[in-house]
Amino acid sequence: MKGNKRSPDNPAEWIARAKSSLTISSTKTPGVLYEDLCFQVQQAAEKALKAVFVSRKIPYPYTHDINALLSGLEQQGVAIPEPL
């Protein structure tokens, strides 16, 4: 994160933020665009992956690319489950 914001150094905080994004993504508020809800789902996934990096004390890349985050974890020996 840039500027004065600090990235959380506690995996539980990353998970709390991921859950918050997921909650926002399930809104049924009229006028909310589908792509904005999808963005929140992407944010939830990104934050959850960063929680894994932090919990394993692995520096994570400052990216919003989920594939890059998954690859980074895999390169560090973290097993990535196959999609269902």
C-alpha atoms as a PDB file:
ATOM      1  CA  MET A   1       0.000   0.000   0.000  1.00  0.00           C
ATOM      2  CA  LYS A   2       1.263   3.420  -0.843  1.00  0.00           C
ATOM      3  CA  GLY A   3       1.251   6.723   0.961  1.00  0.00           C
ATOM      4  CA  ASN A   4       0.690   6.878   4.687  1.00  0.00           C
ATOM      5  CA  LYS A   5      -1.221   3.608   4.801  1.00  0.00           C
ATOM      6  CA  ARG A   6       0.500   0.633   6.374  1.00  0.00           C
ATOM      7  CA  SER A   7      -0.151  -2.883   5.226  1.00  0.00           C
ATOM      8  CA  PRO A   8      -1.425  -5.043   8.053  1.00  0.00           C
ATOM      9  CA  ASP A   9       1.233  -7.271   9.577  1.00  0.00           C
ATOM     10  CA  ASN A  10      -1.359  -9.494  11.215  1.00  0.00           C
ATOM     11  CA  PRO A  11      -2.949 -12.251   9.106  1.00  0.00           C
ATOM     12  CA  ALA A  12      -6.189 -11.925  11.088  1.00  0.00           C
ATOM     13  CA  GLU A  13      -6.497  -8.295   9.995  1.00  0.00           C
ATOM     14  CA  TRP A  14      -6.049  -9.302   6.354  1.00  0.00           C
ATOM     15  CA  ILE A  15      -8.753 -11.956   6.790  1.00  0.00           C
ATOM     16  CA  ALA A  16     -11.064  -9.413   8.452  1.00  0.00           C
ATOM     17  CA  ARG A  17     -10.556  -7.103   5.477  1.00  0.00           C
ATOM     18  CA  ALA A  18     -11.178  -9.990   3.058  1.00  0.00           C
ATOM     19  CA  LYS A  19     -14.423 -10.843   4.855  1.00  0.00           C
ATOM     20  CA  SER A  20     -15.442  -7.184   4.721  1.00  0.00           C
ATOM     21  CA  SER A  21     -14.892  -7.082   0.945  1.00  0.00           C
ATOM     22  CA  LEU A  22     -16.846 -10.316   0.567  1.00  0.00           C
ATOM     23  CA  THR A  23     -19.715  -8.882   2.601  1.00  0.00           C
ATOM     24  CA  ILE A  24     -19.750  -5.759   0.439  1.00  0.00           C
ATOM     25  CA  SER A  25     -19.784  -7.973  -2.667  1.00  0.00           C
ATOM     26  CA  SER A  26     -23.002  -9.669  -1.581  1.00  0.00           C
ATOM     27  CA  THR A  27     -24.967  -6.436  -1.318  1.00  0.00           C
ATOM     28  CA  LYS A  28     -28.395  -6.294  -2.858  1.00  0.00           C
ATOM     29  CA  THR A  29     -28.506  -2.513  -2.997  1.00  0.00           C
ATOM     30  CA  PRO A  30     -30.337  -1.257  -6.085  1.00  0.00           C
ATOM     31  CA  GLY A  31     -28.107   0.603  -8.509  1.00  0.00           C
ATOM     32  CA  VAL A  32     -24.886  -1.176  -7.558  1.00  0.00           C
ATOM     33  CA  LEU A  33     -23.159  -2.334 -10.723  1.00  0.00           C
ATOM     34  CA  TYR A  34     -22.297  -5.990 -11.194  1.00  0.00           C
ATOM     35  CA  GLU A  35     -18.670  -5.194 -12.068  1.00  0.00           C
ATOM     36  CA  ASP A  36     -18.296  -3.286  -8.794  1.00  0.00           C
ATOM     37  CA  LEU A  37     -19.472  -6.363  -6.891  1.00  0.00           C
ATOM     38  CA  CYS A  38     -16.997  -8.488  -8.868  1.00  0.00           C
ATOM     39  CA  PHE A  39     -14.226  -6.059  -7.934  1.00  0.00           C
ATOM     40  CA  GLN A  40     -15.018  -6.604  -4.254  1.00  0.00           C
ATOM     41  CA  VAL A  41     -14.827 -10.388  -4.721  1.00  0.00           C
ATOM     42  CA  GLN A  42     -11.405  -9.964  -6.369  1.00  0.00           C
ATOM     43  CA  GLN A  43     -10.326  -7.780  -3.449  1.00  0.00           C
ATOM     44  CA  ALA A  44     -11.479 -10.434  -0.970  1.00  0.00           C
ATOM     45  CA  ALA A  45      -9.398 -13.090  -2.736  1.00  0.00           C
ATOM     46  CA  GLU A  46      -6.355 -10.807  -2.897  1.00  0.00           C
ATOM     47  CA  LYS A  47      -6.554  -9.940   0.809  1.00  0.00           C
ATOM     48  CA  ALA A  48      -6.971 -13.595   1.784  1.00  0.00           C
ATOM     49  CA  LEU A  49      -3.878 -14.528  -0.233  1.00  0.00           C
ATOM     50  CA  LYS A  50      -1.880 -11.732   1.382  1.00  0.00           C
ATOM     51  CA  ALA A  51      -2.937 -13.153   4.755  1.00  0.00           C
ATOM     52  CA  VAL A  52      -1.185 -16.384   3.758  1.00  0.00           C
ATOM     53  CA  PHE A  53       1.977 -14.469   2.835  1.00  0.00           C
ATOM     54  CA  VAL A  54       1.936 -12.592   6.152  1.00  0.00           C
ATOM     55  CA  SER A  55       1.188 -15.710   8.227  1.00  0.00           C
ATOM     56  CA  ARG A  56       4.197 -17.438   6.687  1.00  0.00           C
ATOM     57  CA  LYS A  57       6.388 -14.331   7.021  1.00  0.00           C
ATOM     58  CA  ILE A  58       6.891 -14.171   3.243  1.00  0.00           C
ATOM     59  CA  PRO A  59       7.130 -10.679   1.724  1.00  0.00           C
ATOM     60  CA  TYR A  60       4.305 -10.288  -0.753  1.00  0.00           C
ATOM     61  CA  PRO A  61       4.426  -8.380  -4.018  1.00  0.00           C
ATOM     62  CA  TYR A  62       2.489  -5.117  -4.200  1.00  0.00           C
ATOM     63  CA  THR A  63       0.154  -6.272  -6.921  1.00  0.00           C
ATOM     64  CA  HIS A  64      -3.543  -6.825  -7.539  1.00  0.00           C
ATOM     65  CA  ASP A  65      -2.803  -9.795  -9.811  1.00  0.00           C
ATOM     66  CA  ILE A  66      -4.216 -12.914  -8.158  1.00  0.00           C
ATOM     67  CA  ASN A  67      -2.241 -15.201 -10.481  1.00  0.00           C
ATOM     68  CA  ALA A  68       0.987 -13.447  -9.466  1.00  0.00           C
ATOM     69  CA  LEU A  69       0.087 -13.858  -5.789  1.00  0.00           C
ATOM     70  CA  LEU A  70      -0.677 -17.562  -6.274  1.00  0.00           C
ATOM     71  CA  SER A  71       2.572 -18.043  -8.204  1.00  0.00           C
ATOM     72  CA  GLY A  72       4.508 -16.241  -5.498  1.00  0.00           C
ATOM     73  CA  LEU A  73       3.108 -18.543  -2.829  1.00  0.00           C
ATOM     74  CA  GLU A  74       3.781 -21.592  -4.949  1.00  0.00           C
ATOM     75  CA  GLN A  75       7.394 -20.480  -5.499  1.00  0.00           C
ATOM     76  CA  GLN A  76       7.741 -20.338  -1.709  1.00  0.00           C
ATOM     77  CA  GLY A  77       6.587 -23.939  -1.380  1.00  0.00           C
ATOM     78  CA  VAL A  78       2.958 -23.270  -0.490  1.00  0.00           C
ATOM     79  CA  ALA A  79       0.694 -25.913  -2.029  1.00  0.00           C
ATOM     80  CA  ILE A  80      -2.066 -24.332  -4.092  1.00  0.00           C
ATOM     81  CA  PRO A  81      -5.181 -26.537  -4.301  1.00  0.00           C
ATOM     82  CA  GLU A  82      -6.563 -27.379  -7.715  1.00  0.00           C
ATOM     83  CA  PRO A  83      -9.832 -25.630  -8.615  1.00  0.00           C
ATOM     84  CA  LEU A  84     -12.943 -27.701  -8.015  1.00  0.00           C
END
